[in-house]
């Protein structure tokens, strides 16, 4: 399954929300440094979909 997500690093309250177009907005507390926000995003999605973290692959995105 492939879904479109938008990650929001440095969020005060970690959560996942879906907009009207089906895009998942993943709010994580980690900063976008050294892959920390990506790791937390993967962890959050794995928990949300009840799958192992190894089952979540981020195909593209911005890196700092």
PDB file of N, CA and C in Angstrom:
ATOM      1  N   UNK A   1       0.849  -1.166   0.000  1.00  0.00           N
ATOM      2  CA  UNK A   1       0.000   0.000   0.000  1.00  0.00           C
ATOM      3  C   UNK A   1       0.898   1.233   0.000  1.00  0.00           C
ATOM      4  N   UNK A   2       0.520   2.234  -0.744  1.00  0.00           N
ATOM      5  CA  UNK A   2       1.281   3.477  -0.790  1.00  0.00           C
ATOM      6  C   UNK A   2       0.339   4.624  -0.428  1.00  0.00           C
ATOM      7  N   UNK A   3       0.763   5.460   0.509  1.00  0.00           N
ATOM      8  CA  UNK A   3      -0.039   6.607   0.923  1.00  0.00           C
ATOM      9  C   UNK A   3       0.820   7.859   0.869  1.00  0.00           C
ATOM     10  N   UNK A   4       0.175   8.979   0.644  1.00  0.00           N
ATOM     11  CA  UNK A   4       0.884  10.254   0.652  1.00  0.00           C
ATOM     12  C   UNK A   4       0.835  10.811   2.066  1.00  0.00           C
ATOM     13  N   UNK A   5       2.005  11.217   2.554  1.00  0.00           N
ATOM     14  CA  UNK A   5       2.061  11.818   3.883  1.00  0.00           C
ATOM     15  C   UNK A   5       2.785  13.153   3.803  1.00  0.00           C
ATOM     16  N   UNK A   6       2.484  13.977   4.748  1.00  0.00           N
ATOM     17  CA  UNK A   6       3.220  15.222   4.961  1.00  0.00           C
ATOM     18  C   UNK A   6       3.641  15.205   6.419  1.00  0.00           C
ATOM     19  N   UNK A   7       4.937  15.243   6.638  1.00  0.00           N
ATOM     20  CA  UNK A   7       5.465  15.216   8.000  1.00  0.00           C
ATOM     21  C   UNK A   7       5.613  16.638   8.521  1.00  0.00           C
ATOM     22  N   UNK A   8       5.259  16.821   9.767  1.00  0.00           N
ATOM     23  CA  UNK A   8       5.365  18.117  10.431  1.00  0.00           C
ATOM     24  C   UNK A   8       6.270  17.942  11.654  1.00  0.00           C
ATOM     25  N   UNK A   9       7.580  18.207  11.502  1.00  0.00           N
ATOM     26  CA  UNK A   9       8.497  18.058  12.640  1.00  0.00           C
ATOM     27  C   UNK A   9       8.317  19.175  13.661  1.00  0.00           C
ATOM     28  N   UNK A  10       8.903  18.989  14.826  1.00  0.00           N
ATOM     29  CA  UNK A  10       8.874  19.973  15.918  1.00  0.00           C
ATOM     30  C   UNK A  10       7.466  20.296  16.399  1.00  0.00           C
ATOM     31  N   UNK A  11       6.571  19.343  16.331  1.00  0.00           N
ATOM     32  CA  UNK A  11       5.199  19.569  16.784  1.00  0.00           C
ATOM     33  C   UNK A  11       5.106  19.368  18.289  1.00  0.00           C
ATOM     34  N   UNK A  12       4.240  20.140  18.912  1.00  0.00           N
ATOM     35  CA  UNK A  12       4.072  20.035  20.357  1.00  0.00           C
ATOM     36  C   UNK A  12       3.311  18.769  20.741  1.00  0.00           C
ATOM     37  N   UNK A  13       2.349  18.358  19.899  1.00  0.00           N
ATOM     38  CA  UNK A  13       1.530  17.187  20.204  1.00  0.00           C
ATOM     39  C   UNK A  13       1.626  16.193  19.042  1.00  0.00           C
ATOM     40  N   UNK A  14       2.321  15.069  19.238  1.00  0.00           N
ATOM     41  CA  UNK A  14       2.413  14.067  18.169  1.00  0.00           C
ATOM     42  C   UNK A  14       1.034  13.477  17.858  1.00  0.00           C
ATOM     43  N   UNK A  15       0.706  13.407  16.566  1.00  0.00           N
ATOM     44  CA  UNK A  15      -0.584  12.859  16.149  1.00  0.00           C
ATOM     45  C   UNK A  15      -0.564  12.600  14.644  1.00  0.00           C
ATOM     46  N   UNK A  16      -1.575  11.897  14.164  1.00  0.00           N
ATOM     47  CA  UNK A  16      -1.755  11.663  12.736  1.00  0.00           C
ATOM     48  C   UNK A  16      -3.170  12.087  12.390  1.00  0.00           C
ATOM     49  N   UNK A  17      -3.290  12.907  11.342  1.00  0.00           N
ATOM     50  CA  UNK A  17      -4.594  13.372  10.876  1.00  0.00           C
ATOM     51  C   UNK A  17      -4.693  13.117   9.379  1.00  0.00           C
ATOM     52  N   UNK A  18      -5.912  12.892   8.899  1.00  0.00           N
ATOM     53  CA  UNK A  18      -6.141  12.689   7.473  1.00  0.00           C
ATOM     54  C   UNK A  18      -6.979  13.841   6.941  1.00  0.00           C
ATOM     55  N   UNK A  19      -6.550  14.427   5.810  1.00  0.00           N
ATOM     56  CA  UNK A  19      -7.327  15.516   5.227  1.00  0.00           C
ATOM     57  C   UNK A  19      -8.370  14.957   4.253  1.00  0.00           C
ATOM     58  N   UNK A  20      -9.124  15.829   3.625  1.00  0.00           N
ATOM     59  CA  UNK A  20     -10.216  15.405   2.752  1.00  0.00           C
ATOM     60  C   UNK A  20      -9.740  14.660   1.507  1.00  0.00           C
ATOM     61  N   UNK A  21      -8.493  14.870   1.106  1.00  0.00           N
ATOM     62  CA  UNK A  21      -7.946  14.206  -0.078  1.00  0.00           C
ATOM     63  C   UNK A  21      -7.284  12.872   0.251  1.00  0.00           C
ATOM     64  N   UNK A  22      -7.273  12.486   1.516  1.00  0.00           N
ATOM     65  CA  UNK A  22      -6.685  11.226   1.925  1.00  0.00           C
ATOM     66  C   UNK A  22      -5.219  11.309   2.303  1.00  0.00           C
ATOM     67  N   UNK A  23      -4.651  12.507   2.283  1.00  0.00           N
ATOM     68  CA  UNK A  23      -3.257  12.691   2.683  1.00  0.00           C
ATOM     69  C   UNK A  23      -3.157  12.617   4.198  1.00  0.00           C
ATOM     70  N   UNK A  24      -2.173  11.868   4.680  1.00  0.00           N
ATOM     71  CA  UNK A  24      -1.944  11.779   6.119  1.00  0.00           C
ATOM     72  C   UNK A  24      -0.956  12.856   6.542  1.00  0.00           C
ATOM     73  N   UNK A  25      -1.311  13.609   7.556  1.00  0.00           N
ATOM     74  CA  UNK A  25      -0.422  14.611   8.140  1.00  0.00           C
ATOM     75  C   UNK A  25       0.103  14.010   9.439  1.00  0.00           C
ATOM     76  N   UNK A  26       1.418  13.775   9.471  1.00  0.00           N
ATOM     77  CA  UNK A  26       2.050  13.136  10.621  1.00  0.00           C
ATOM     78  C   UNK A  26       2.825  14.200  11.387  1.00  0.00           C
ATOM     79  N   UNK A  27       2.372  14.500  12.585  1.00  0.00           N
ATOM     80  CA  UNK A  27       3.004  15.498  13.438  1.00  0.00           C
ATOM     81  C   UNK A  27       3.909  14.774  14.425  1.00  0.00           C
ATOM     82  N   UNK A  28       5.198  15.104  14.397  1.00  0.00           N
ATOM     83  CA  UNK A  28       6.170  14.458  15.287  1.00  0.00           C
ATOM     84  C   UNK A  28       6.930  15.519  16.071  1.00  0.00           C
ATOM     85  N   UNK A  29       7.392  15.147  17.239  1.00  0.00           N
ATOM     86  CA  UNK A  29       8.092  16.084  18.108  1.00  0.00           C
ATOM     87  C   UNK A  29       9.559  16.264  17.772  1.00  0.00           C
ATOM     88  N   UNK A  30      10.123  15.350  17.015  1.00  0.00           N
ATOM     89  CA  UNK A  30      11.553  15.407  16.707  1.00  0.00           C
ATOM     90  C   UNK A  30      11.871  16.499  15.694  1.00  0.00           C
ATOM     91  N   UNK A  31      13.078  17.057  15.789  1.00  0.00           N
ATOM     92  CA  UNK A  31      13.505  18.051  14.803  1.00  0.00           C
ATOM     93  C   UNK A  31      13.938  17.365  13.508  1.00  0.00           C
ATOM     94  N   UNK A  32      13.915  18.092  12.396  1.00  0.00           N
ATOM     95  CA  UNK A  32      14.319  17.500  11.118  1.00  0.00           C
ATOM     96  C   UNK A  32      15.836  17.483  10.949  1.00  0.00           C
ATOM     97  N   UNK A  33      16.529  16.906  11.902  1.00  0.00           N
ATOM     98  CA  UNK A  33      17.988  16.845  11.874  1.00  0.00           C
ATOM     99  C   UNK A  33      18.443  15.398  11.951  1.00  0.00           C
ATOM    100  N   UNK A  34      19.404  15.044  11.123  1.00  0.00           N
ATOM    101  CA  UNK A  34      20.036  13.719  11.156  1.00  0.00           C
ATOM    102  C   UNK A  34      19.020  12.582  11.077  1.00  0.00           C
ATOM    103  N   UNK A  35      17.921  12.791  10.374  1.00  0.00           N
ATOM    104  CA  UNK A  35      16.929  11.740  10.178  1.00  0.00           C
ATOM    105  C   UNK A  35      16.042  11.444  11.369  1.00  0.00           C
ATOM    106  N   UNK A  36      16.116  12.272  12.410  1.00  0.00           N
ATOM    107  CA  UNK A  36      15.317  11.997  13.619  1.00  0.00           C
ATOM    108  C   UNK A  36      13.821  12.099  13.347  1.00  0.00           C
ATOM    109  N   UNK A  37      13.400  13.127  12.592  1.00  0.00           N
ATOM    110  CA  UNK A  37      11.976  13.276  12.285  1.00  0.00           C
ATOM    111  C   UNK A  37      11.499  12.133  11.392  1.00  0.00           C
ATOM    112  N   UNK A  38      12.330  11.696  10.450  1.00  0.00           N
ATOM    113  CA  UNK A  38      11.962  10.569   9.589  1.00  0.00           C
ATOM    114  C   UNK A  38      11.784   9.297  10.405  1.00  0.00           C
ATOM    115  N   UNK A  39      12.670   9.059  11.355  1.00  0.00           N
ATOM    116  CA  UNK A  39      12.571   7.861  12.195  1.00  0.00           C
ATOM    117  C   UNK A  39      11.282   7.889  13.011  1.00  0.00           C
ATOM    118  N   UNK A  40      10.989   9.035  13.606  1.00  0.00           N
ATOM    119  CA  UNK A  40       9.766   9.129  14.406  1.00  0.00           C
ATOM    120  C   UNK A  40       8.523   9.024  13.525  1.00  0.00           C
ATOM    121  N   UNK A  41       8.600   9.555  12.306  1.00  0.00           N
ATOM    122  CA  UNK A  41       7.490   9.435  11.363  1.00  0.00           C
ATOM    123  C   UNK A  41       7.237   7.968  11.035  1.00  0.00           C
ATOM    124  N   UNK A  42       8.302   7.216  10.754  1.00  0.00           N
ATOM    125  CA  UNK A  42       8.168   5.776  10.482  1.00  0.00           C
ATOM    126  C   UNK A  42       7.567   5.051  11.683  1.00  0.00           C
ATOM    127  N   UNK A  43       8.049   5.373  12.876  1.00  0.00           N
ATOM    128  CA  UNK A  43       7.535   4.737  14.091  1.00  0.00           C
ATOM    129  C   UNK A  43       6.040   5.024  14.268  1.00  0.00           C
ATOM    130  N   UNK A  44       5.650   6.273  14.045  1.00  0.00           N
ATOM    131  CA  UNK A  44       4.245   6.667  14.207  1.00  0.00           C
ATOM    132  C   UNK A  44       3.349   5.960  13.196  1.00  0.00           C
ATOM    133  N   UNK A  45       3.811   5.878  11.946  1.00  0.00           N
ATOM    134  CA  UNK A  45       3.015   5.213  10.915  1.00  0.00           C
ATOM    135  C   UNK A  45       2.897   3.714  11.187  1.00  0.00           C
ATOM    136  N   UNK A  46       3.973   3.099  11.641  1.00  0.00           N
ATOM    137  CA  UNK A  46       3.935   1.670  11.964  1.00  0.00           C
ATOM    138  C   UNK A  46       2.922   1.401  13.075  1.00  0.00           C
ATOM    139  N   UNK A  47       2.934   2.244  14.082  1.00  0.00           N
ATOM    140  CA  UNK A  47       1.986   2.084  15.188  1.00  0.00           C
ATOM    141  C   UNK A  47       0.553   2.328  14.703  1.00  0.00           C
ATOM    142  N   UNK A  48       0.361   3.355  13.875  1.00  0.00           N
ATOM    143  CA  UNK A  48      -0.963   3.709  13.361  1.00  0.00           C
ATOM    144  C   UNK A  48      -1.574   2.564  12.546  1.00  0.00           C
ATOM    145  N   UNK A  49      -0.765   1.945  11.680  1.00  0.00           N
ATOM    146  CA  UNK A  49      -1.245   0.867  10.818  1.00  0.00           C
ATOM    147  C   UNK A  49      -1.059  -0.524  11.439  1.00  0.00           C
ATOM    148  N   UNK A  50      -0.501  -0.564  12.658  1.00  0.00           N
ATOM    149  CA  UNK A  50      -0.284  -1.819  13.379  1.00  0.00           C
ATOM    150  C   UNK A  50       0.554  -2.810  12.560  1.00  0.00           C
ATOM    151  N   UNK A  51       1.687  -2.318  12.056  1.00  0.00           N
ATOM    152  CA  UNK A  51       2.628  -3.138  11.296  1.00  0.00           C
ATOM    153  C   UNK A  51       4.024  -2.921  11.875  1.00  0.00           C
ATOM    154  N   UNK A  52       4.974  -3.810  11.572  1.00  0.00           N
ATOM    155  CA  UNK A  52       6.339  -3.588  12.061  1.00  0.00           C
ATOM    156  C   UNK A  52       6.974  -2.372  11.395  1.00  0.00           C
ATOM    157  N   UNK A  53       7.888  -1.736  12.101  1.00  0.00           N
ATOM    158  CA  UNK A  53       8.559  -0.545  11.574  1.00  0.00           C
ATOM    159  C   UNK A  53       9.267  -0.848  10.257  1.00  0.00           C
ATOM    160  N   UNK A  54       9.757  -2.068  10.096  1.00  0.00           N
ATOM    161  CA  UNK A  54      10.438  -2.444   8.857  1.00  0.00           C
ATOM    162  C   UNK A  54       9.489  -2.462   7.662  1.00  0.00           C
ATOM    163  N   UNK A  55       8.182  -2.466   7.916  1.00  0.00           N
ATOM    164  CA  UNK A  55       7.194  -2.445   6.846  1.00  0.00           C
ATOM    165  C   UNK A  55       6.873  -1.057   6.337  1.00  0.00           C
ATOM    166  N   UNK A  56       7.456  -0.033   6.944  1.00  0.00           N
ATOM    167  CA  UNK A  56       7.218   1.353   6.529  1.00  0.00           C
ATOM    168  C   UNK A  56       8.458   1.863   5.814  1.00  0.00           C
ATOM    169  N   UNK A  57       8.279   2.295   4.577  1.00  0.00           N
ATOM    170  CA  UNK A  57       9.384   2.831   3.782  1.00  0.00           C
ATOM    171  C   UNK A  57       8.996   4.219   3.308  1.00  0.00           C
ATOM    172  N   UNK A  58       9.839   5.192   3.597  1.00  0.00           N
ATOM    173  CA  UNK A  58       9.623   6.548   3.096  1.00  0.00           C
ATOM    174  C   UNK A  58      10.302   6.632   1.732  1.00  0.00           C
ATOM    175  N   UNK A  59       9.518   6.815   0.676  1.00  0.00           N
ATOM    176  CA  UNK A  59      10.054   6.775  -0.680  1.00  0.00           C
ATOM    177  C   UNK A  59      10.787   8.043  -1.077  1.00  0.00           C
ATOM    178  N   UNK A  60      10.275   9.178  -0.668  1.00  0.00           N
ATOM    179  CA  UNK A  60      10.931  10.435  -1.035  1.00  0.00           C
ATOM    180  C   UNK A  60      10.596  11.483  -0.003  1.00  0.00           C
ATOM    181  N   UNK A  61      11.333  12.552  -0.057  1.00  0.00           N
ATOM    182  CA  UNK A  61      11.099  13.639   0.877  1.00  0.00           C
ATOM    183  C   UNK A  61      12.306  14.531   0.967  1.00  0.00           C
ATOM    184  N   UNK A  62      12.202  15.517   1.810  1.00  0.00           N
ATOM    185  CA  UNK A  62      13.299  16.446   1.995  1.00  0.00           C
ATOM    186  C   UNK A  62      14.178  15.965   3.123  1.00  0.00           C
ATOM    187  N   UNK A  63      15.455  16.207   2.981  1.00  0.00           N
ATOM    188  CA  UNK A  63      16.406  15.879   4.038  1.00  0.00           C
ATOM    189  C   UNK A  63      17.230  17.116   4.338  1.00  0.00           C
ATOM    190  N   UNK A  64      17.607  17.258   5.603  1.00  0.00           N
ATOM    191  CA  UNK A  64      18.461  18.390   5.971  1.00  0.00           C
ATOM    192  C   UNK A  64      19.842  17.900   6.301  1.00  0.00           C
TER     193      UNK A  64
END
